[in-house]
Protein backbone atom coordinates (compact mmCIF):
# COMPACT_ATOMS: atom_id res chain seq x y z
CA PHE A 1 5.04 1.53 9.82
CA ILE A 2 4.14 1.38 6.12
CA PRO A 3 0.49 0.27 5.69
CA TYR A 4 -0.28 -2.97 3.83
CA THR A 5 -2.23 -1.06 1.17
CA ILE A 6 0.87 0.97 0.28
CA THR A 7 3.25 -2.03 0.17
CA THR A 8 0.73 -3.91 -1.99
CA GLY A 9 0.29 -0.89 -4.27
CA PHE A 10 3.96 -0.11 -4.83
CA THR A 11 4.90 -3.79 -5.21
CA ALA A 12 2.31 -4.18 -7.98
CA GLY A 13 3.45 -0.87 -9.47
CA ILE A 14 7.10 -1.95 -9.50
CA ALA A 15 6.07 -5.22 -11.15
CA VAL A 16 4.27 -3.33 -13.94
CA THR A 17 7.29 -0.99 -14.29
CA ILE A 18 9.66 -3.96 -14.65
CA ALA A 19 7.37 -5.65 -17.20
CA ILE A 20 7.00 -2.49 -19.32
CA GLY A 21 10.78 -2.05 -19.25
CA GLN A 22 11.19 -5.48 -20.92
CA VAL A 23 8.83 -4.85 -23.87
CA LYS A 24 11.65 -3.45 -26.02
CA ASP A 25 13.93 -6.50 -25.63
CA LEU A 26 11.12 -9.08 -25.68
CA PHE A 27 9.83 -7.85 -29.05
CA GLY A 28 13.26 -6.82 -30.35
CA LEU A 29 12.11 -3.23 -30.96
CA SER A 30 14.43 -0.53 -32.27
CA PHE A 31 13.87 2.63 -30.21
CA LYS A 32 14.59 6.03 -31.77
CA ASN A 33 15.04 7.63 -28.34
CA ALA A 34 16.37 6.40 -25.00
CA PRO A 35 13.42 6.79 -22.62
CA ILE A 36 13.98 6.56 -18.85
CA GLU A 37 10.54 6.85 -17.25
CA THR A 38 8.02 4.00 -17.48
CA VAL A 39 5.36 6.00 -19.35
CA GLU A 40 8.00 7.22 -21.82
CA LYS A 41 9.12 3.63 -22.42
CA LEU A 42 5.55 2.54 -23.08
CA ARG A 43 4.95 5.47 -25.46
CA GLU A 44 8.19 4.73 -27.32
CA ALA A 45 7.29 1.03 -27.58
CA VAL A 46 3.92 1.91 -29.15
CA MET A 47 5.52 4.36 -31.59
CA CYS A 48 8.18 1.82 -32.63
CA ALA A 49 5.85 -1.22 -32.72
CA SER A 50 6.43 -1.66 -36.46
CA THR A 51 10.12 -2.48 -35.83
CA TRP A 52 9.36 -5.68 -33.91
CA ASN A 53 11.59 -8.71 -34.55
CA PRO A 54 9.74 -12.07 -34.80
CA GLN A 55 12.96 -13.99 -34.07
CA ALA A 56 13.50 -12.07 -30.82
CA LEU A 57 9.86 -12.66 -29.83
CA ALA A 58 10.26 -16.41 -30.52
CA VAL A 59 13.32 -16.56 -28.22
CA GLY A 60 11.48 -14.57 -25.53
CA ILE A 61 8.32 -16.71 -25.66
CA THR A 62 10.44 -19.86 -25.49
CA GLY A 63 12.07 -18.49 -22.35
CA ILE A 64 8.68 -17.70 -20.77
CA LEU A 65 7.34 -21.20 -21.56
CA ILE A 66 10.42 -22.81 -19.96
CA LEU A 67 10.02 -20.62 -16.87
CA VAL A 68 6.35 -21.58 -16.56
CA ILE A 69 6.57 -25.30 -17.33
CA TRP A 70 10.00 -26.37 -16.00
CA PRO A 71 9.35 -25.79 -12.24
CA LYS A 72 6.44 -28.28 -12.51
CA ILE A 73 8.83 -30.89 -13.90
CA ASN A 74 11.95 -30.30 -11.80
CA GLY A 75 12.12 -27.79 -8.96
CA LYS A 76 15.82 -28.30 -8.15
CA ILE A 77 17.36 -26.78 -11.29
CA PRO A 78 16.42 -23.10 -11.67
CA GLY A 79 14.20 -22.50 -14.69
CA SER A 80 16.00 -19.22 -15.40
CA LEU A 81 19.31 -21.06 -15.88
CA LEU A 82 17.67 -23.46 -18.31
CA ALA A 83 16.00 -20.55 -20.15
CA VAL A 84 19.38 -18.81 -20.57
CA LEU A 85 21.02 -21.96 -21.97
CA ALA A 86 18.08 -22.57 -24.32
CA GLY A 87 18.16 -18.94 -25.50
CA ILE A 88 21.90 -19.14 -26.27
CA ALA A 89 21.40 -22.43 -28.11
CA MET A 90 18.56 -21.00 -30.24
CA VAL A 91 20.44 -17.83 -31.21
CA LYS A 92 23.72 -19.63 -31.99
CA GLY A 93 22.23 -22.84 -33.39
CA PHE A 94 19.85 -21.11 -35.82
CA ASN A 95 22.03 -18.01 -36.33
CA LEU A 96 19.15 -15.72 -35.34
CA ASN A 97 19.29 -11.94 -35.70
CA VAL A 98 18.73 -11.25 -31.98
CA ASN A 99 20.50 -8.78 -29.70
CA THR A 100 22.71 -10.27 -27.00
CA ILE A 101 24.53 -8.71 -24.06
CA GLY A 102 27.74 -8.73 -26.10
CA SER A 103 26.18 -7.02 -29.13
CA LEU A 104 24.80 -4.13 -27.08
CA TYR A 105 27.42 -3.58 -24.39
CA LYS A 106 31.21 -3.44 -24.20
CA ILE A 107 32.46 -6.48 -22.33
CA SER A 108 35.48 -6.30 -20.00
CA ASN A 109 36.63 -8.90 -17.49
CA SER A 110 39.03 -6.62 -15.58
CA LEU A 111 38.26 -5.88 -11.93
CA PRO A 112 37.98 -2.23 -10.83
CA VAL A 113 41.11 -0.67 -9.34
CA PHE A 114 41.32 0.52 -5.71
CA ARG A 115 41.71 4.29 -5.64
CA VAL A 116 41.31 6.77 -2.76
CA PRO A 117 39.28 9.67 -4.19
CA HIS A 118 40.56 13.23 -3.97
CA PHE A 119 38.29 15.59 -2.07
CA THR A 120 38.35 19.00 -0.40
CA PHE A 121 36.31 20.59 2.39
CA SER A 122 34.49 22.87 -0.08
CA MET A 123 33.63 19.84 -2.23
CA VAL A 124 32.19 18.07 0.84
CA GLN A 125 30.10 21.17 1.66
CA THR A 126 28.76 21.29 -1.89
CA LEU A 127 27.95 17.60 -2.15
CA LEU A 128 26.66 16.96 1.39
CA PRO A 129 22.97 17.90 0.75
CA ASP A 130 22.83 15.65 -2.34
CA ALA A 131 24.67 12.89 -0.49
CA MET A 132 22.13 13.06 2.36
CA THR A 133 19.24 12.88 -0.13
CA ILE A 134 20.78 9.88 -1.90
CA ALA A 135 21.46 8.16 1.45
CA ILE A 136 17.87 8.61 2.65
CA LEU A 137 16.35 7.49 -0.66
CA ALA A 138 18.72 4.51 -0.82
CA ALA A 139 17.80 3.54 2.74
CA ILE A 140 14.06 3.77 2.00
CA GLU A 141 14.32 1.81 -1.24
CA SER A 142 16.45 -0.89 0.40
CA LEU A 143 13.96 -1.29 3.26
CA LEU A 144 11.10 -1.43 0.75
CA SER A 145 13.02 -4.20 -0.99
CA CYS A 146 13.18 -5.95 2.39
CA VAL A 147 9.42 -5.55 2.85
CA VAL A 148 8.79 -7.11 -0.57
CA ALA A 149 11.16 -9.98 0.28
CA ASP A 150 9.42 -10.48 3.66
CA GLY A 151 6.10 -10.84 1.87
CA MET A 152 7.53 -13.37 -0.59
CA ILE A 153 9.20 -15.66 1.97
CA GLY A 154 7.08 -14.97 5.07
CA GLY A 155 10.12 -13.63 6.95
CA LYS A 156 11.09 -10.55 8.95
CA HIS A 157 14.13 -8.47 8.04
CA ARG A 158 16.46 -6.66 10.47
CA SER A 159 16.40 -3.00 9.41
CA ASN A 160 19.52 -1.88 11.28
CA MET A 161 21.62 -4.70 9.86
CA GLU A 162 20.36 -3.96 6.32
CA LEU A 163 21.22 -0.25 6.51
CA ILE A 164 24.63 -0.71 8.17
CA ALA A 165 25.62 -3.35 5.61
CA GLN A 166 24.41 -1.16 2.75
CA GLY A 167 26.34 1.85 4.09
CA VAL A 168 29.58 -0.10 4.51
CA GLY A 169 29.12 -1.64 1.06
CA ASN A 170 28.59 1.74 -0.58
CA MET A 171 31.63 3.27 1.14
CA ALA A 172 33.76 0.35 -0.06
CA SER A 173 32.25 0.65 -3.55
CA GLY A 174 33.29 4.31 -3.70
CA LEU A 175 36.93 3.29 -3.17
CA PHE A 176 36.71 1.24 -6.38
CA GLY A 177 35.02 3.92 -8.46
CA GLY A 178 31.50 2.63 -7.78
CA ILE A 179 28.32 4.69 -7.34
CA PRO A 180 25.76 4.38 -4.49
CA ALA A 181 23.52 1.32 -4.83
CA THR A 182 20.39 0.12 -3.05
CA GLY A 183 18.75 -3.20 -2.35
CA ALA A 184 17.31 -4.05 -5.76
CA ILE A 185 13.70 -5.18 -5.61
CA ALA A 186 13.72 -6.92 -9.02
CA ARG A 187 17.00 -8.75 -8.33
CA THR A 188 15.90 -9.71 -4.82
CA ALA A 189 12.62 -11.10 -6.19
CA ALA A 190 14.51 -13.03 -8.87
CA ASN A 191 16.85 -14.44 -6.21
CA ILE A 192 13.91 -15.58 -4.07
CA LYS A 193 12.12 -17.16 -7.02
CA ASN A 194 15.28 -19.19 -7.69
CA GLY A 195 15.40 -20.53 -4.13
CA GLY A 196 17.18 -17.78 -2.17
CA ARG A 197 15.93 -17.56 1.43
CA THR A 198 18.77 -16.17 3.59
CA PRO A 199 21.47 -13.43 3.41
CA VAL A 200 23.82 -16.15 2.16
CA ALA A 201 21.90 -16.05 -1.14
CA GLY A 202 22.93 -12.39 -1.60
CA MET A 203 26.56 -13.21 -0.82
CA VAL A 204 26.56 -16.11 -3.29
CA HIS A 205 24.96 -13.81 -5.87
CA ALA A 206 27.77 -11.26 -5.43
CA LEU A 207 30.48 -13.92 -5.70
CA VAL A 208 28.87 -15.41 -8.81
CA LEU A 209 28.81 -11.95 -10.42
CA VAL A 210 32.54 -11.58 -9.73
CA LEU A 211 33.20 -15.03 -11.25
CA VAL A 212 31.06 -14.15 -14.26
CA LEU A 213 32.96 -10.88 -14.65
CA VAL A 214 36.42 -12.45 -14.40
CA ILE A 215 35.96 -15.95 -15.92
CA LEU A 216 32.67 -16.23 -17.75
CA MET A 217 32.26 -12.74 -19.22
CA PRO A 218 32.88 -13.92 -22.81
CA TYR A 219 30.10 -16.49 -22.34
CA ALA A 220 27.77 -14.00 -20.58
CA ALA A 221 28.03 -11.90 -23.72
CA LEU A 222 26.15 -14.68 -25.54
CA ILE A 223 22.97 -14.34 -23.43
CA PRO A 224 20.08 -13.08 -25.64
CA MET A 225 18.30 -9.95 -24.46
CA PRO A 226 14.82 -11.48 -25.08
CA THR A 227 15.72 -14.27 -22.64
CA ILE A 228 16.67 -11.73 -19.96
CA ALA A 229 13.40 -9.91 -20.72
CA ALA A 230 11.46 -13.18 -20.32
CA ILE A 231 13.08 -13.87 -16.92
CA LEU A 232 12.29 -10.36 -15.68
CA ILE A 233 8.69 -10.52 -16.93
CA MET A 234 8.19 -13.71 -14.93
CA VAL A 235 9.82 -12.05 -11.91
CA ALA A 236 7.40 -9.13 -12.34
CA TYR A 237 4.41 -11.47 -12.54
CA ASN A 238 5.46 -13.42 -9.46
CA MET A 239 6.14 -10.31 -7.36
CA SER A 240 3.03 -8.41 -8.52
CA GLY A 241 0.76 -10.10 -5.98
CA TRP A 242 -2.21 -9.38 -8.24
CA ARG A 243 -4.44 -11.75 -6.27
CA GLU A 244 -3.79 -9.80 -3.06
CA PHE A 245 -4.31 -6.58 -5.01
CA VAL A 246 -7.73 -7.68 -6.28
CA ASN A 247 -8.67 -9.04 -2.85
CA VAL A 248 -7.86 -5.70 -1.17
CA VAL A 249 -9.92 -3.81 -3.77
CA LYS A 250 -12.88 -6.17 -3.23
CA THR A 251 -12.85 -6.41 0.56
CA SER A 252 -11.34 -3.17 1.92
CA PRO A 253 -13.05 0.13 2.76
CA LYS A 254 -13.12 2.64 -0.09
CA SER A 255 -10.54 4.85 1.61
CA ASP A 256 -7.99 2.00 1.74
CA THR A 257 -8.74 1.10 -1.88
CA ILE A 258 -8.08 4.71 -2.93
CA ILE A 259 -4.67 4.63 -1.18
CA LEU A 260 -3.84 1.29 -2.84
CA ILE A 261 -4.75 2.46 -6.35
CA ALA A 262 -3.11 5.88 -5.90
CA THR A 263 0.16 4.26 -4.78
CA PHE A 264 0.03 1.79 -7.70
CA VAL A 265 -0.69 4.46 -10.33
CA LEU A 266 1.91 6.91 -8.99
CA THR A 267 4.58 4.17 -8.90
CA VAL A 268 3.95 3.43 -12.57
CA ILE A 269 3.52 7.03 -13.81
CA PHE A 270 6.17 8.76 -11.67
CA ASP A 271 8.39 6.71 -9.36
CA LEU A 272 8.55 4.88 -6.07
CA VAL A 273 9.50 7.94 -4.00
CA VAL A 274 6.50 10.01 -5.15
CA ALA A 275 4.18 7.03 -4.62
CA ILE A 276 5.41 6.42 -1.07
CA GLU A 277 5.21 10.14 -0.17
CA VAL A 278 1.64 10.56 -1.42
CA GLY A 279 0.52 7.14 -0.15
CA MET A 280 1.90 7.76 3.35
CA MET A 281 0.36 11.25 3.44
CA LEU A 282 -3.06 9.84 2.53
CA ALA A 283 -2.65 6.96 5.00
CA CYS A 284 -1.70 9.38 7.81
CA LEU A 285 -4.71 11.61 7.10
CA LEU A 286 -6.96 8.56 7.06
CA PHE A 287 -5.44 7.33 10.34
CA ILE A 288 -6.00 10.72 11.99
CA LYS A 289 -9.62 10.74 10.84
CA ARG A 290 -10.27 7.20 12.09
CA MET A 291 -8.60 7.79 15.45
CA SER A 292 -10.60 10.98 15.98
CA GLU A 293 -13.77 8.97 15.32
CA VAL A 294 -12.68 6.32 17.83
CA THR A 295 -12.19 8.84 20.66
CA GLU A 296 -15.48 9.49 22.47
CA ILE A 297 -16.32 12.13 25.04
CA SER A 298 -19.58 11.36 26.85
CA SER A 299 -21.45 12.79 29.81
CA TRP A 300 -22.93 10.57 32.49
CA LYS A 301 -26.69 10.15 32.51
CA TYR A 302 -28.31 11.61 35.64
CA VAL A 303 -31.51 10.24 37.27
CA ASP A 304 -33.49 11.50 40.27
CA ASP A 305 -34.33 9.44 43.35
CA GLU A 306 -37.72 8.27 42.01
CA GLU A 307 -36.18 6.97 38.77
CA GLU A 308 -33.44 5.26 40.76
CA ALA A 309 -36.02 3.42 42.90
CA ASP A 310 -37.79 2.15 39.79
CA ASP A 311 -34.57 1.13 38.04
CA PRO A 312 -33.80 -2.63 38.47
CA GLU A 313 -30.12 -1.86 37.80
CA SER A 314 -29.97 1.01 40.30
CA ILE A 315 -27.40 -0.90 42.36
CA GLN A 316 -24.86 0.02 39.65
CA LEU A 317 -25.63 3.75 39.90
CA ARG A 318 -23.37 6.19 41.77
CA LYS A 319 -24.49 9.20 43.75
CA VAL A 320 -23.33 12.43 42.10
CA PRO A 321 -23.65 15.83 43.84
CA LYS A 322 -26.31 17.95 42.10
CA ASP A 323 -23.87 20.73 41.19
CA THR A 324 -21.43 18.26 39.58
CA LEU A 325 -21.01 17.04 36.00
CA VAL A 326 -19.06 13.86 35.16
CA TYR A 327 -17.46 13.24 31.74
CA GLU A 328 -15.83 10.06 30.51
CA ILE A 329 -13.28 10.03 27.67
CA ASN A 330 -12.48 6.82 25.78
CA GLY A 331 -9.50 6.67 23.43
CA PRO A 332 -6.31 8.67 22.87
CA MET A 333 -6.60 12.43 23.20
CA PHE A 334 -4.65 13.94 20.32
CA PHE A 335 -5.01 16.88 17.95
CA GLY A 336 -7.53 15.06 15.76
CA ALA A 337 -9.99 14.67 18.66
CA ALA A 338 -9.06 17.67 20.84
CA ASP A 339 -11.72 19.99 19.39
CA LYS A 340 -14.42 17.47 20.24
CA PHE A 341 -13.30 17.48 23.89
CA LEU A 342 -13.32 21.28 24.15
CA GLU A 343 -16.66 21.57 22.37
CA VAL A 344 -18.52 19.08 24.61
CA ILE A 345 -17.37 20.59 27.91
CA THR A 346 -17.82 24.22 26.78
CA ARG A 347 -21.33 23.43 25.57
CA SER A 348 -22.21 22.02 29.01
CA MET A 349 -20.85 25.11 30.77
CA ASN A 350 -23.09 27.28 28.62
CA GLY A 351 -26.09 24.92 28.81
CA PRO A 352 -29.37 25.13 30.75
CA LYS A 353 -27.60 24.56 34.10
CA ARG A 354 -25.21 27.45 33.52
CA GLY A 355 -24.38 29.05 36.85
CA GLN A 356 -25.47 25.95 38.83
CA ILE A 357 -22.39 23.85 38.02
CA ARG A 358 -19.64 24.08 40.66
CA LYS A 359 -17.62 20.89 39.98
CA ILE A 360 -16.62 19.03 36.81
CA ILE A 361 -15.11 15.54 36.99
CA ILE A 362 -13.23 14.16 33.95
CA ARG A 363 -12.76 10.40 34.13
CA MET A 364 -9.47 9.64 32.32
CA ARG A 365 -8.97 5.92 32.90
CA SER A 366 -9.41 5.17 29.16
CA ILE A 367 -6.97 7.83 27.91
CA PRO A 368 -3.63 6.08 27.20
CA ALA A 369 -2.01 9.15 25.65
CA LEU A 370 -2.29 12.93 25.54
CA ASP A 371 -0.57 15.26 23.06
CA THR A 372 0.29 18.98 23.17
CA THR A 373 -2.88 20.10 21.37
CA SER A 374 -5.11 18.20 23.79
CA MET A 375 -3.06 19.54 26.70
CA ASN A 376 -3.62 23.08 25.42
CA HIS A 377 -7.38 22.46 25.21
CA LEU A 378 -7.37 20.99 28.72
CA SER A 379 -5.59 24.17 29.91
CA ASN A 380 -8.30 26.26 28.24
CA VAL A 381 -11.00 24.24 30.00
CA LEU A 382 -9.20 24.75 33.33
CA MET A 383 -8.94 28.52 32.77
CA GLU A 384 -12.64 28.67 31.86
CA CYS A 385 -13.49 26.71 35.03
CA LYS A 386 -11.47 29.11 37.18
CA LYS A 387 -13.28 32.09 35.61
CA ARG A 388 -16.64 30.54 36.50
CA ASN A 389 -15.47 29.41 39.95
CA ILE A 390 -15.79 25.74 38.95
CA THR A 391 -13.45 23.10 40.44
CA LEU A 392 -11.97 20.67 37.91
CA ILE A 393 -11.35 17.14 39.24
CA LEU A 394 -9.47 14.46 37.31
CA SER A 395 -10.02 10.75 37.92
CA HIS A 396 -7.62 7.87 37.19
CA VAL A 397 -4.96 9.76 35.20
CA GLN A 398 -2.65 7.28 33.46
CA LYS A 399 1.15 7.49 33.35
CA GLN A 400 1.72 9.23 29.98
CA PRO A 401 -0.97 11.93 30.46
CA TYR A 402 0.27 12.47 34.05
CA GLN A 403 3.86 13.06 32.85
CA VAL A 404 2.70 15.45 30.12
CA MET A 405 0.55 17.45 32.58
CA LYS A 406 3.41 17.52 35.09
CA LYS A 407 5.83 18.87 32.49
CA LYS A 408 3.29 21.48 31.40
CA GLY A 409 2.82 22.60 35.04
CA LEU A 410 -0.88 21.80 34.89
CA LEU A 411 -0.91 19.64 38.03
CA GLU A 412 -0.20 22.65 40.28
CA LEU A 413 -2.93 24.68 38.53
CA ILE A 414 -5.48 21.90 38.96
CA GLY A 415 -4.29 21.13 42.50
CA ARG A 416 -2.90 17.72 43.37
CA GLU A 417 -5.79 17.21 45.80
CA ASN A 418 -8.08 17.27 42.74
CA LEU A 419 -6.27 14.30 41.12
CA CYS A 420 -8.08 11.19 42.35
CA GLU A 421 -7.08 7.57 41.83
CA ASN A 422 -10.58 6.41 40.84
CA ILE A 423 -14.09 7.70 40.20
CA ASP A 424 -15.34 6.93 43.72
CA LYS A 425 -12.58 9.05 45.27
CA ALA A 426 -13.36 11.80 42.73
CA LEU A 427 -17.05 11.76 43.75
CA GLU A 428 -16.05 11.89 47.43
CA ARG A 429 -13.83 14.88 46.67
CA ALA A 430 -16.71 16.64 44.85
CA GLU A 431 -19.04 15.90 47.80
CA SER A 432 -16.57 17.34 50.29
CA LEU A 433 -16.23 20.70 48.52
């Protein structure tokens, strides 16, 4: 149910966020602070620009060139693997002063230990609201990761399977001292760009990480940070979908473009959750406005006998009793269009023929759905009709509106004899009164 403009906007925003996050390692900058937010990282990178390391930049640019050129030469061997090996060779072979995983982080190849956590009922009460928030955000972010993956491979994910697997995985992780995790958009995109197409790719990825942790961790410590930055920058470029972004801006209505740009900017400046909340709110308001414009309430055009004789298409005309008005509604009747319905019929009641109208027919064959607000307005119209001694007749009421009116008790107030299966029967009913 997430509009294309929002998925395009937050995907491009995430790509920019990933790219900005790699500036520090690509240029070998020395940050004075430890920024978390994207804008803070960008500000810190500008302030610390003088600390850039040309050797780190050389390793990073080499990695980017390999990632760009190698797939055109050989598509079977992942370019990222080659970039990692080349980066290690450069740093070790030329003894470059470049940060590696091992120089920045403590390396351990021991697996986490199984431990049942201690908890009490009061602790559960305290943590439950936060746990619910984390669960909902994790579910949303994982499904957004699925949407991004769908767009990259032209597939369709299974939401229930994704969420159940994630929940089971997180519960198991907690028994080994882990923290809640989500489907990672950057890692998923990197997996796809290296040939991953099915859930097996995620399983292989997990097993490889375990092997790296247990067997290859000393060698993983040799991987240069600029090389990792280069890989992630290419992932960001590939997932950004900038061509689709530009195309939407050029070809879409202004309202859709505003939603796209707002989602993109909010993703970069704040975070994904804020962007989705605001984007969905704007999209919903826009949808309500458009649907209210689609719904039309129109009165039939009435002609006298002389006009009918002169009209070559008079065979299509129906005879309407002179004290009867017929209205036709096209489109869903919901709160966004309900006022229009009430306004049109009330205006007719108070029009030039006020006092002459004895029957009103509402043709409902083109109303697929009715909501509570519209039902309330229909009740008001019925009450107004009863005050003025006007009979309300409904024609061709579809299933959903019929069930709503039945539940509301409106059918008894209208009178089941005033519910007609088609317009001809409704006209016959009006004639008989």
